N, C-alpha and C. Protein backbone atom coordinates (compact mmCIF):
# COMPACT_ATOMS: atom_id res chain seq x y z
N MET A 1 1.03 -1.28 -0.01
CA MET A 1 -0.12 -0.13 -0.03
C MET A 1 1.00 1.33 -0.09
N SER A 2 0.30 2.36 -0.92
CA SER A 2 1.42 3.48 -1.07
C SER A 2 1.35 4.49 0.82
N GLN A 3 1.96 5.02 0.20
CA GLN A 3 2.17 5.97 1.25
C GLN A 3 1.14 7.01 1.37
N SER A 4 0.46 7.71 2.69
CA SER A 4 -0.68 8.45 2.41
C SER A 4 -0.45 9.88 1.81
N PRO A 5 -0.74 10.56 0.84
CA PRO A 5 -0.01 11.83 0.58
C PRO A 5 -0.23 12.95 1.61
N LYS A 6 0.72 13.48 1.86
CA LYS A 6 0.83 14.56 2.54
C LYS A 6 0.55 16.20 1.70
N LEU A 7 -0.74 16.57 2.81
CA LEU A 7 -0.84 17.64 1.99
C LEU A 7 -1.09 19.31 2.87
N LEU A 8 -0.54 20.08 2.68
CA LEU A 8 -0.56 21.11 3.29
C LEU A 8 -1.47 22.30 2.86
N ALA A 9 -2.86 22.64 4.20
CA ALA A 9 -3.93 23.54 3.24
C ALA A 9 -4.10 24.89 4.23
N PHE A 10 -4.45 25.82 3.54
CA PHE A 10 -4.25 27.07 4.23
C PHE A 10 -5.38 28.23 3.04
N ALA A 11 -5.63 29.36 3.97
CA ALA A 11 -6.30 30.49 3.30
C ALA A 11 -5.28 31.18 2.96
N GLY A 12 -5.58 32.70 1.96
CA GLY A 12 -4.91 33.45 2.09
C GLY A 12 -5.00 34.65 2.89
N SER A 13 -5.93 34.93 4.26
CA SER A 13 -6.90 35.52 4.77
C SER A 13 -6.44 35.05 6.08
N THR A 14 -6.57 35.99 7.21
CA THR A 14 -6.03 35.82 8.37
C THR A 14 -7.27 36.08 8.96
N ARG A 15 -8.66 36.85 8.87
CA ARG A 15 -9.66 37.34 9.43
C ARG A 15 -10.34 35.66 9.91
N GLN A 16 -10.98 35.97 11.14
CA GLN A 16 -11.24 34.86 12.04
C GLN A 16 -12.39 34.42 11.08
N ASP A 17 -13.24 34.84 10.93
CA ASP A 17 -14.36 34.50 10.12
C ASP A 17 -14.46 34.36 8.63
N SER A 18 -13.40 34.06 8.34
CA SER A 18 -12.82 34.25 6.81
C SER A 18 -13.58 32.92 5.79
N PHE A 19 -13.83 33.02 5.11
CA PHE A 19 -15.06 32.38 4.04
C PHE A 19 -13.86 31.21 3.62
N ASN A 20 -12.58 31.58 3.03
CA ASN A 20 -11.70 30.74 2.45
C ASN A 20 -11.12 29.77 3.51
N LYS A 21 -11.18 30.61 4.45
CA LYS A 21 -11.00 29.07 5.93
C LYS A 21 -11.70 28.27 5.93
N LYS A 22 -13.64 28.37 5.71
CA LYS A 22 -14.15 27.39 5.69
C LYS A 22 -14.19 26.63 4.19
N LEU A 23 -13.73 27.08 3.53
CA LEU A 23 -13.58 26.09 2.14
C LEU A 23 -12.32 25.07 2.22
N VAL A 24 -11.43 25.80 2.88
CA VAL A 24 -10.03 25.17 3.04
C VAL A 24 -10.51 23.72 4.20
N LYS A 25 -11.16 23.73 4.95
CA LYS A 25 -11.83 22.60 5.90
C LYS A 25 -12.68 21.63 4.97
N ALA A 26 -13.52 22.37 4.32
CA ALA A 26 -14.23 21.42 3.31
C ALA A 26 -13.80 20.43 2.21
N ALA A 27 -12.53 21.26 1.67
CA ALA A 27 -11.85 20.59 0.89
C ALA A 27 -10.68 19.43 1.43
N ALA A 28 -10.04 20.17 2.57
CA ALA A 28 -9.40 18.82 3.51
C ALA A 28 -10.31 18.02 4.24
N ASP A 29 -11.41 17.79 4.34
CA ASP A 29 -12.27 17.17 4.55
C ASP A 29 -12.24 16.09 2.99
N GLY A 30 -12.11 16.62 2.21
CA GLY A 30 -12.43 15.52 0.79
C GLY A 30 -10.99 14.88 0.58
N ALA A 31 -9.81 15.49 1.23
CA ALA A 31 -8.57 15.02 0.78
C ALA A 31 -8.54 13.73 1.85
N ARG A 32 -8.93 14.12 2.88
CA ARG A 32 -8.55 13.26 4.13
C ARG A 32 -9.85 11.79 3.42
N GLU A 33 -10.53 11.69 2.97
CA GLU A 33 -11.52 10.82 2.38
C GLU A 33 -10.87 10.14 1.66
N ALA A 34 -9.96 10.72 1.17
CA ALA A 34 -9.22 9.85 -0.29
C ALA A 34 -8.38 9.48 0.48
N GLY A 35 -7.58 9.61 1.66
CA GLY A 35 -6.28 9.00 2.66
C GLY A 35 -5.30 9.72 2.56
N ALA A 36 -5.73 10.82 2.26
CA ALA A 36 -4.17 11.90 2.56
C ALA A 36 -3.90 12.45 3.99
N ASP A 37 -2.90 12.57 4.36
CA ASP A 37 -2.66 13.50 5.64
C ASP A 37 -2.53 14.88 5.27
N VAL A 38 -3.55 15.44 6.03
CA VAL A 38 -3.59 17.21 5.55
C VAL A 38 -3.50 17.58 7.11
N THR A 39 -2.36 18.77 6.46
CA THR A 39 -2.40 19.40 8.08
C THR A 39 -2.78 20.83 7.38
N ILE A 40 -4.06 21.64 8.23
CA ILE A 40 -4.61 23.01 7.82
C ILE A 40 -3.30 23.84 8.92
N ILE A 41 -3.15 24.88 8.27
CA ILE A 41 -2.43 26.11 9.31
C ILE A 41 -3.08 27.58 9.03
N ASP A 42 -2.86 28.44 9.54
CA ASP A 42 -3.53 29.54 9.64
C ASP A 42 -2.23 30.56 9.53
N LEU A 43 -2.44 31.26 8.25
CA LEU A 43 -0.90 32.25 7.93
C LEU A 43 -0.99 33.28 9.28
N LYS A 44 -2.39 33.61 10.05
CA LYS A 44 -1.99 34.11 11.34
C LYS A 44 -1.04 33.91 12.28
N ASP A 45 -0.68 32.88 11.98
CA ASP A 45 0.06 31.76 13.67
C ASP A 45 1.67 32.13 12.83
N TYR A 46 2.09 32.54 11.15
CA TYR A 46 2.94 32.81 11.20
C TYR A 46 3.61 34.55 10.61
N PRO A 47 3.55 35.48 11.21
CA PRO A 47 3.14 36.94 10.53
C PRO A 47 4.49 36.75 10.23
N LEU A 48 4.75 37.61 9.08
CA LEU A 48 6.05 37.60 8.24
C LEU A 48 6.21 39.85 8.01
N PRO A 49 6.97 39.90 8.32
CA PRO A 49 7.53 41.14 7.59
C PRO A 49 7.14 41.41 5.87
N LEU A 50 6.70 42.53 5.19
CA LEU A 50 6.54 42.81 4.05
C LEU A 50 8.02 42.26 3.37
N PHE A 51 7.78 41.60 2.33
CA PHE A 51 9.17 41.18 1.76
C PHE A 51 9.96 42.11 1.26
N ASP A 52 11.24 42.13 1.61
CA ASP A 52 12.17 43.15 1.40
C ASP A 52 14.11 42.24 1.57
N GLN A 53 14.44 42.68 0.32
CA GLN A 53 15.63 42.04 0.28
C GLN A 53 17.02 42.56 1.59
N ASP A 54 16.48 43.72 1.69
CA ASP A 54 17.98 44.14 2.52
C ASP A 54 17.64 42.94 4.17
N LEU A 55 15.88 43.11 4.60
CA LEU A 55 15.65 42.10 5.59
C LEU A 55 16.36 40.54 5.64
N GLU A 56 16.31 39.90 4.04
CA GLU A 56 16.46 38.68 3.73
C GLU A 56 17.57 38.81 3.95
N ALA A 57 18.65 39.84 3.74
CA ALA A 57 20.25 39.90 3.80
C ALA A 57 20.65 39.59 5.43
N GLU A 58 19.64 39.99 5.93
CA GLU A 58 20.15 40.15 7.84
C GLU A 58 19.73 38.92 7.96
N GLY A 59 18.99 37.72 7.29
CA GLY A 59 18.67 36.69 7.67
C GLY A 59 17.11 36.39 7.84
N MET A 60 16.93 35.35 7.75
CA MET A 60 15.61 34.68 7.15
C MET A 60 14.51 34.74 8.79
N PRO A 61 13.73 35.36 8.59
CA PRO A 61 12.88 35.70 9.82
C PRO A 61 12.26 34.25 10.05
N ALA A 62 12.23 33.86 11.57
CA ALA A 62 12.02 32.44 12.05
C ALA A 62 10.69 31.98 11.55
N ASN A 63 9.72 32.92 11.25
CA ASN A 63 8.36 32.25 10.55
C ASN A 63 8.64 31.99 9.05
N VAL A 64 9.74 32.48 8.33
CA VAL A 64 9.59 32.07 6.94
C VAL A 64 10.46 30.67 6.86
N LEU A 65 11.36 30.44 7.91
CA LEU A 65 12.48 28.80 7.86
C LEU A 65 10.89 27.87 8.34
N LEU A 66 10.14 28.21 9.30
CA LEU A 66 8.94 27.23 9.99
C LEU A 66 8.16 27.08 8.50
N LEU A 67 7.84 28.10 8.09
CA LEU A 67 6.51 28.10 6.80
C LEU A 67 7.49 26.81 5.49
N LYS A 68 8.84 27.31 5.41
CA LYS A 68 9.12 26.69 4.41
C LYS A 68 9.82 25.63 4.70
N GLN A 69 9.76 25.18 5.97
CA GLN A 69 9.73 23.68 6.31
C GLN A 69 8.17 22.85 5.88
N LEU A 70 7.56 23.40 6.06
CA LEU A 70 5.96 23.05 6.06
C LEU A 70 5.80 22.87 4.88
N PHE A 71 5.96 23.58 4.20
CA PHE A 71 5.88 23.06 2.63
C PHE A 71 7.07 22.31 2.14
N LYS A 72 8.39 22.10 2.42
CA LYS A 72 9.34 21.03 1.71
C LYS A 72 8.40 19.85 2.36
N ASP A 73 8.07 19.77 3.34
CA ASP A 73 7.44 18.14 4.41
C ASP A 73 6.00 17.79 3.51
N HIS A 74 5.79 18.82 2.85
CA HIS A 74 4.02 18.44 2.27
C HIS A 74 4.30 18.07 0.74
N GLN A 75 3.67 17.11 0.13
CA GLN A 75 3.83 17.26 -1.16
C GLN A 75 3.19 17.85 -2.01
N GLY A 76 1.70 18.39 -1.46
CA GLY A 76 0.74 18.93 -2.24
C GLY A 76 0.11 20.37 -1.23
N LEU A 77 -0.62 21.24 -1.81
CA LEU A 77 -0.92 22.33 -1.31
C LEU A 77 -2.30 22.45 -1.65
N ILE A 78 -3.35 22.90 -0.93
CA ILE A 78 -4.51 23.25 -0.52
C ILE A 78 -4.49 24.97 -0.38
N ILE A 79 -4.73 25.62 -1.37
CA ILE A 79 -4.92 27.23 -1.27
C ILE A 79 -5.97 27.62 -1.54
N ALA A 80 -6.83 28.22 -0.53
CA ALA A 80 -7.83 28.91 -0.67
C ALA A 80 -7.54 30.69 -0.96
N SER A 81 -7.95 31.11 -1.56
CA SER A 81 -7.77 32.39 -2.06
C SER A 81 -8.46 33.66 -2.10
N PRO A 82 -8.40 34.61 -0.93
CA PRO A 82 -9.66 35.21 -1.27
C PRO A 82 -9.63 36.52 -2.28
N GLU A 83 -9.83 37.47 -2.41
CA GLU A 83 -9.87 38.34 -4.25
C GLU A 83 -10.08 39.65 -3.56
N TYR A 84 -8.74 40.20 -3.61
CA TYR A 84 -8.98 41.69 -3.45
C TYR A 84 -8.33 42.48 -4.42
N ASN A 85 -9.48 43.44 -4.66
CA ASN A 85 -8.97 44.08 -6.13
C ASN A 85 -8.94 43.49 -7.19
N SER A 86 -9.75 42.26 -7.55
CA SER A 86 -9.03 41.44 -8.75
C SER A 86 -7.72 40.71 -8.67
N SER A 87 -7.04 40.48 -7.52
CA SER A 87 -6.04 40.17 -7.45
C SER A 87 -6.01 39.08 -6.43
N ILE A 88 -4.73 38.65 -6.02
CA ILE A 88 -4.81 37.75 -4.52
C ILE A 88 -4.21 38.62 -3.74
N THR A 89 -4.83 38.36 -2.39
CA THR A 89 -4.10 39.27 -0.89
C THR A 89 -2.92 39.27 -0.91
N PRO A 90 -2.52 40.40 -0.36
CA PRO A 90 -1.10 40.81 -0.20
C PRO A 90 -0.64 39.94 0.59
N LEU A 91 -1.34 39.21 1.65
CA LEU A 91 -0.61 38.09 2.38
C LEU A 91 -0.63 37.46 2.09
N LEU A 92 -1.34 36.74 0.78
CA LEU A 92 -0.91 35.44 0.19
C LEU A 92 1.03 35.61 -0.44
N LYS A 93 0.43 36.91 -1.34
CA LYS A 93 1.57 37.43 -1.80
C LYS A 93 3.20 37.27 -1.39
N ASN A 94 2.95 37.99 -0.19
CA ASN A 94 4.37 38.06 0.49
C ASN A 94 4.64 36.73 1.43
N THR A 95 3.20 35.69 1.69
CA THR A 95 3.89 34.05 2.40
C THR A 95 4.78 33.53 0.99
N LEU A 96 4.31 33.65 -0.34
CA LEU A 96 4.54 32.70 -1.49
C LEU A 96 6.10 33.53 -1.70
N ASP A 97 5.95 34.80 -1.40
CA ASP A 97 7.55 35.64 -2.00
C ASP A 97 8.67 35.27 -1.05
N TRP A 98 8.27 35.14 0.17
CA TRP A 98 9.34 34.89 0.97
C TRP A 98 9.28 33.02 1.24
N VAL A 99 8.53 32.47 0.83
CA VAL A 99 8.56 31.19 0.99
C VAL A 99 9.82 30.89 -0.47
N SER A 100 9.76 31.07 -1.27
CA SER A 100 10.22 31.30 -2.55
C SER A 100 12.00 31.45 -2.09
N ARG A 101 12.33 32.14 -1.64
CA ARG A 101 13.65 32.62 -1.51
C ARG A 101 14.36 31.54 -0.50
N PRO A 102 15.36 31.40 -1.46
CA PRO A 102 16.46 30.15 -0.84
C PRO A 102 17.18 30.31 0.63
N ALA A 103 17.50 29.27 1.14
CA ALA A 103 17.79 29.94 2.39
C ALA A 103 19.27 29.38 2.25
N PRO A 104 20.47 29.53 3.01
CA PRO A 104 21.66 29.07 2.88
C PRO A 104 21.94 27.69 2.38
N ASN A 105 22.52 27.50 1.60
CA ASN A 105 22.89 26.26 1.04
C ASN A 105 21.39 25.16 0.20
N GLU A 106 20.46 25.56 0.14
CA GLU A 106 19.16 25.43 -0.19
C GLU A 106 19.02 25.92 -1.58
N SER A 107 18.58 25.23 -2.76
CA SER A 107 18.47 25.13 -3.99
C SER A 107 17.56 26.30 -4.28
N THR A 108 16.94 27.03 -5.28
CA THR A 108 16.20 27.48 -5.73
C THR A 108 14.75 27.25 -5.81
N LEU A 109 14.23 27.41 -4.88
CA LEU A 109 12.33 27.23 -5.10
C LEU A 109 12.38 25.99 -4.18
N ALA A 110 12.98 25.86 -3.54
CA ALA A 110 13.39 24.34 -2.35
C ALA A 110 11.96 24.07 -2.00
N ALA A 111 11.07 25.26 -1.63
CA ALA A 111 10.05 25.04 -1.14
C ALA A 111 8.87 24.61 -2.18
N PHE A 112 9.17 24.36 -3.55
CA PHE A 112 7.84 24.31 -4.37
C PHE A 112 8.27 23.25 -5.30
N GLN A 113 9.42 22.99 -4.91
CA GLN A 113 9.61 21.79 -6.14
C GLN A 113 8.80 20.69 -6.01
N GLY A 114 8.33 19.91 -7.42
CA GLY A 114 7.82 19.02 -7.35
C GLY A 114 6.04 19.15 -6.92
N LYS A 115 5.90 20.42 -5.75
CA LYS A 115 4.66 20.52 -5.48
C LYS A 115 3.69 20.66 -6.25
N VAL A 116 2.23 19.76 -6.14
CA VAL A 116 0.67 19.80 -6.65
C VAL A 116 0.10 20.59 -5.78
N VAL A 117 -0.84 21.67 -6.79
CA VAL A 117 -1.40 22.12 -5.95
C VAL A 117 -3.06 22.61 -6.14
N SER A 118 -3.85 22.48 -5.64
CA SER A 118 -5.49 22.46 -5.74
C SER A 118 -5.92 24.53 -5.63
N LEU A 119 -6.58 24.86 -6.30
CA LEU A 119 -6.79 26.17 -5.78
C LEU A 119 -8.30 26.49 -5.97
N ILE A 120 -9.00 26.75 -4.81
CA ILE A 120 -10.32 27.34 -4.25
C ILE A 120 -10.53 28.70 -4.06
N SER A 121 -12.25 29.48 -4.19
CA SER A 121 -11.55 31.01 -3.78
C SER A 121 -13.27 31.18 -3.23
N ALA A 122 -13.50 31.64 -2.00
CA ALA A 122 -15.00 32.44 -2.02
C ALA A 122 -14.87 33.87 -1.92
N SER A 123 -15.68 34.42 -2.63
CA SER A 123 -15.67 35.85 -2.39
C SER A 123 -17.57 36.60 -2.47
N PRO A 124 -17.39 37.77 -2.07
CA PRO A 124 -18.31 38.26 -1.72
C PRO A 124 -19.32 38.75 -3.31
N GLY A 125 -18.45 38.84 -4.50
CA GLY A 125 -18.77 39.02 -5.41
C GLY A 125 -19.09 38.07 -6.46
N ALA A 126 -19.64 38.53 -7.56
CA ALA A 126 -20.29 37.62 -8.69
C ALA A 126 -19.79 36.44 -9.33
N LEU A 127 -18.26 36.68 -8.99
CA LEU A 127 -17.14 36.02 -9.56
C LEU A 127 -16.50 34.69 -8.18
N GLY A 128 -16.91 35.26 -7.48
CA GLY A 128 -16.34 34.46 -6.33
C GLY A 128 -14.41 34.17 -6.05
N GLY A 129 -13.94 35.35 -7.01
CA GLY A 129 -13.01 35.42 -6.83
C GLY A 129 -12.22 34.79 -7.86
N LEU A 130 -12.88 34.47 -9.08
CA LEU A 130 -12.00 33.74 -9.75
C LEU A 130 -11.09 34.66 -10.63
N ARG A 131 -11.35 35.97 -10.70
CA ARG A 131 -10.15 37.08 -11.58
C ARG A 131 -8.64 36.52 -10.56
N GLY A 132 -9.04 36.27 -8.75
CA GLY A 132 -7.76 36.39 -8.68
C GLY A 132 -7.25 35.16 -8.43
N LEU A 133 -7.95 33.69 -8.82
CA LEU A 133 -7.30 32.84 -8.94
C LEU A 133 -6.68 32.55 -10.16
N VAL A 134 -6.77 33.17 -11.29
CA VAL A 134 -6.13 33.31 -12.70
C VAL A 134 -4.68 33.73 -12.50
N HIS A 135 -4.26 34.95 -11.37
CA HIS A 135 -3.08 35.50 -11.21
C HIS A 135 -2.22 34.32 -10.05
N LEU A 136 -3.11 33.68 -9.18
CA LEU A 136 -2.06 32.85 -8.46
C LEU A 136 -1.90 31.67 -9.17
N ARG A 137 -3.00 31.47 -10.11
CA ARG A 137 -2.24 29.97 -11.07
C ARG A 137 -1.18 30.43 -11.83
N ALA A 138 -0.90 31.69 -12.49
CA ALA A 138 -0.02 32.31 -13.16
C ALA A 138 1.23 32.54 -11.85
N ILE A 139 1.49 32.69 -10.91
CA ILE A 139 2.31 32.88 -10.13
C ILE A 139 2.56 31.36 -9.68
N LEU A 140 2.21 30.60 -9.79
CA LEU A 140 2.54 29.36 -9.48
C LEU A 140 2.83 27.98 -10.21
N GLY A 141 2.45 28.71 -11.32
CA GLY A 141 2.96 27.84 -13.02
C GLY A 141 4.49 29.00 -12.79
N ASN A 142 4.52 29.76 -12.99
CA ASN A 142 6.18 30.06 -12.90
C ASN A 142 7.13 29.80 -11.89
N ILE A 143 6.94 29.69 -11.09
CA ILE A 143 7.71 29.37 -9.85
C ILE A 143 7.64 27.80 -9.80
N GLY A 144 7.13 26.66 -10.83
CA GLY A 144 7.19 25.70 -11.37
C GLY A 144 6.05 24.52 -10.62
N VAL A 145 5.47 25.02 -9.77
CA VAL A 145 4.39 24.03 -9.34
C VAL A 145 3.43 23.71 -10.53
N ILE A 146 3.11 22.28 -10.52
CA ILE A 146 1.83 21.92 -10.42
C ILE A 146 0.73 22.07 -10.28
N VAL A 147 -0.02 22.94 -10.92
CA VAL A 147 -1.44 23.68 -10.35
C VAL A 147 -2.58 22.78 -11.56
N LEU A 148 -3.32 21.82 -10.55
CA LEU A 148 -4.75 20.91 -11.00
C LEU A 148 -5.40 22.18 -11.63
N PRO A 149 -6.28 21.34 -13.20
CA PRO A 149 -6.88 22.24 -13.70
C PRO A 149 -8.18 22.70 -13.61
N GLU A 150 -8.65 22.12 -12.27
CA GLU A 150 -10.05 22.01 -11.37
C GLU A 150 -9.96 22.90 -10.49
N GLN A 151 -10.99 24.09 -10.58
CA GLN A 151 -11.35 24.63 -9.28
C GLN A 151 -12.46 25.54 -9.31
N ILE A 152 -12.43 25.95 -8.29
CA ILE A 152 -14.11 26.11 -7.68
C ILE A 152 -13.62 27.65 -6.89
N ALA A 153 -14.55 28.64 -7.56
CA ALA A 153 -15.01 29.94 -7.01
C ALA A 153 -16.16 30.01 -6.73
N VAL A 154 -16.35 30.38 -5.11
CA VAL A 154 -17.87 30.30 -4.77
C VAL A 154 -17.79 31.74 -4.94
N PRO A 155 -19.33 32.20 -5.30
CA PRO A 155 -19.92 33.88 -5.46
C PRO A 155 -20.88 33.94 -4.33
N LYS A 156 -21.03 35.12 -4.03
CA LYS A 156 -21.90 35.65 -3.08
C LYS A 156 -21.48 34.95 -1.22
N ALA A 157 -20.41 34.76 -1.34
CA ALA A 157 -19.64 33.91 0.19
C ALA A 157 -19.94 34.29 1.34
N HIS A 158 -21.24 35.95 1.23
CA HIS A 158 -21.50 36.20 2.37
C HIS A 158 -22.90 35.36 2.64
N GLU A 159 -23.34 34.53 1.62
CA GLU A 159 -24.67 34.21 1.68
C GLU A 159 -24.47 32.70 1.70
N ALA A 160 -23.31 32.47 1.21
CA ALA A 160 -22.89 30.63 0.64
C ALA A 160 -23.07 29.64 1.96
N PHE A 161 -22.84 30.31 3.23
CA PHE A 161 -22.42 29.19 4.46
C PHE A 161 -23.47 29.84 5.33
N ASP A 162 -23.58 28.23 6.36
CA ASP A 162 -24.39 28.05 7.28
C ASP A 162 -23.58 28.53 8.50
N SER A 163 -24.25 28.59 9.44
CA SER A 163 -23.70 29.11 10.84
C SER A 163 -22.72 27.93 11.46
N ASP A 164 -22.71 27.02 10.63
CA ASP A 164 -21.54 26.05 11.22
C ASP A 164 -20.49 25.93 10.42
N GLY A 165 -20.68 26.95 9.39
CA GLY A 165 -18.97 27.00 8.78
C GLY A 165 -19.36 26.09 7.09
N SER A 166 -20.57 25.25 7.00
CA SER A 166 -20.51 24.46 5.68
C SER A 166 -21.47 25.27 4.83
N LEU A 167 -20.88 24.89 3.19
CA LEU A 167 -21.59 25.39 2.44
C LEU A 167 -23.15 25.19 2.58
N LYS A 168 -24.07 25.77 2.18
CA LYS A 168 -25.37 25.66 2.46
C LYS A 168 -25.68 25.22 0.78
N ASP A 169 -25.30 25.06 -0.36
CA ASP A 169 -25.46 23.82 -1.25
C ASP A 169 -24.72 23.16 -1.03
N ALA A 170 -25.35 22.09 -1.06
CA ALA A 170 -24.86 20.50 -0.79
C ALA A 170 -23.98 20.12 -2.00
N THR A 171 -24.58 20.24 -3.29
CA THR A 171 -23.80 20.39 -4.55
C THR A 171 -22.30 20.77 -4.61
N LEU A 172 -22.23 22.24 -4.33
CA LEU A 172 -20.91 23.04 -4.10
C LEU A 172 -20.61 22.68 -2.99
N HIS A 173 -20.93 22.20 -1.65
CA HIS A 173 -20.25 21.50 -0.87
C HIS A 173 -19.20 19.99 -1.50
N SER A 174 -20.03 19.29 -1.86
CA SER A 174 -19.59 18.25 -2.54
C SER A 174 -18.66 18.27 -3.74
N SER A 175 -18.68 19.15 -4.05
CA SER A 175 -17.57 19.95 -5.28
C SER A 175 -15.92 20.20 -4.63
N ILE A 176 -16.32 21.15 -3.77
CA ILE A 176 -15.02 21.53 -2.98
C ILE A 176 -14.23 20.28 -2.26
N ARG A 177 -15.35 19.15 -1.77
CA ARG A 177 -14.37 18.02 -1.21
C ARG A 177 -13.58 17.42 -2.39
N GLN A 178 -14.42 17.31 -3.57
CA GLN A 178 -13.53 16.39 -4.58
C GLN A 178 -12.41 17.23 -4.73
N ILE A 179 -12.44 18.56 -5.06
CA ILE A 179 -11.30 19.03 -4.70
C ILE A 179 -10.12 18.62 -4.44
N GLY A 180 -10.43 18.50 -2.99
CA GLY A 180 -9.44 17.93 -2.33
C GLY A 180 -9.28 16.51 -2.35
N LYS A 181 -10.18 15.79 -2.62
CA LYS A 181 -10.04 14.32 -3.14
C LYS A 181 -9.24 14.15 -4.23
N LYS A 182 -9.58 14.58 -5.15
CA LYS A 182 -8.51 14.71 -6.39
C LYS A 182 -7.36 15.17 -6.40
N LEU A 183 -6.86 16.05 -5.47
CA LEU A 183 -5.68 16.40 -4.94
C LEU A 183 -4.87 15.43 -4.32
N ALA A 184 -5.72 14.87 -3.61
CA ALA A 184 -5.00 13.48 -3.23
C ALA A 184 -4.70 12.36 -3.61
N GLU A 185 -5.38 12.27 -4.50
CA GLU A 185 -4.97 11.25 -5.85
C GLU A 185 -4.52 11.20 -6.87
N THR A 186 -4.23 12.67 -6.90
CA THR A 186 -3.01 13.39 -7.92
C THR A 186 -1.53 12.82 -7.74
N VAL A 187 -1.47 13.79 -6.38
CA VAL A 187 0.07 13.52 -5.08
C VAL A 187 -0.18 12.11 -5.32
N ARG A 188 -0.89 11.00 -4.63
CA ARG A 188 -0.36 9.41 -4.99
C ARG A 188 -0.20 8.68 -5.77
N LYS A 189 -0.60 9.17 -6.97
CA LYS A 189 -0.26 8.57 -8.60
C LYS A 189 1.33 9.24 -8.82
N LEU A 190 1.39 10.66 -8.80
CA LEU A 190 2.93 10.97 -9.10
C LEU A 190 4.08 10.25 -7.91
N VAL A 191 3.80 10.32 -6.46
CA VAL A 191 4.58 9.70 -5.83
C VAL A 191 5.03 8.43 -5.75
N SER A 192 3.93 7.82 -6.06
CA SER A 192 4.27 6.29 -6.02
C SER A 192 5.22 5.61 -6.70
């Protein structure tokens, strides 16, 4: 029997009641159902300064090193990306920028090498964050990440969730779970 795929899941938001944090949980449930070992993190627990090469020259911040190790320890990523002004959040971009930087004696983009990613989004807007996913897909593709073609953007997110954090639409909830399941299955095939 092959080893369980290890997936890291997070949202590009630190807001306590983030729609995208709720989506991450649903996708992670689907991945777990498919046999994956999923670690969900909150980027709020890893505060980072704005990326600056002068700061980098002084030494990588401790949280960058922690995040880089988390990325390296997992074969796949589930990213739920909010949309800010038709793009990704500054938090998510800053995180990707820091994690992409090589630590001493580390190859370029070491934390992203061989990674497979699934993308999801939720936004109060009518497109559900779709425009931001286009940007995120381009960024990840340019740093060598395999981004799965399936993605889901949940529109009118402020109306889409029940009080317990689950999606009101059962079909949509199932589709989000399928995103996680597909990632787990793809990673399993690639690493076996």
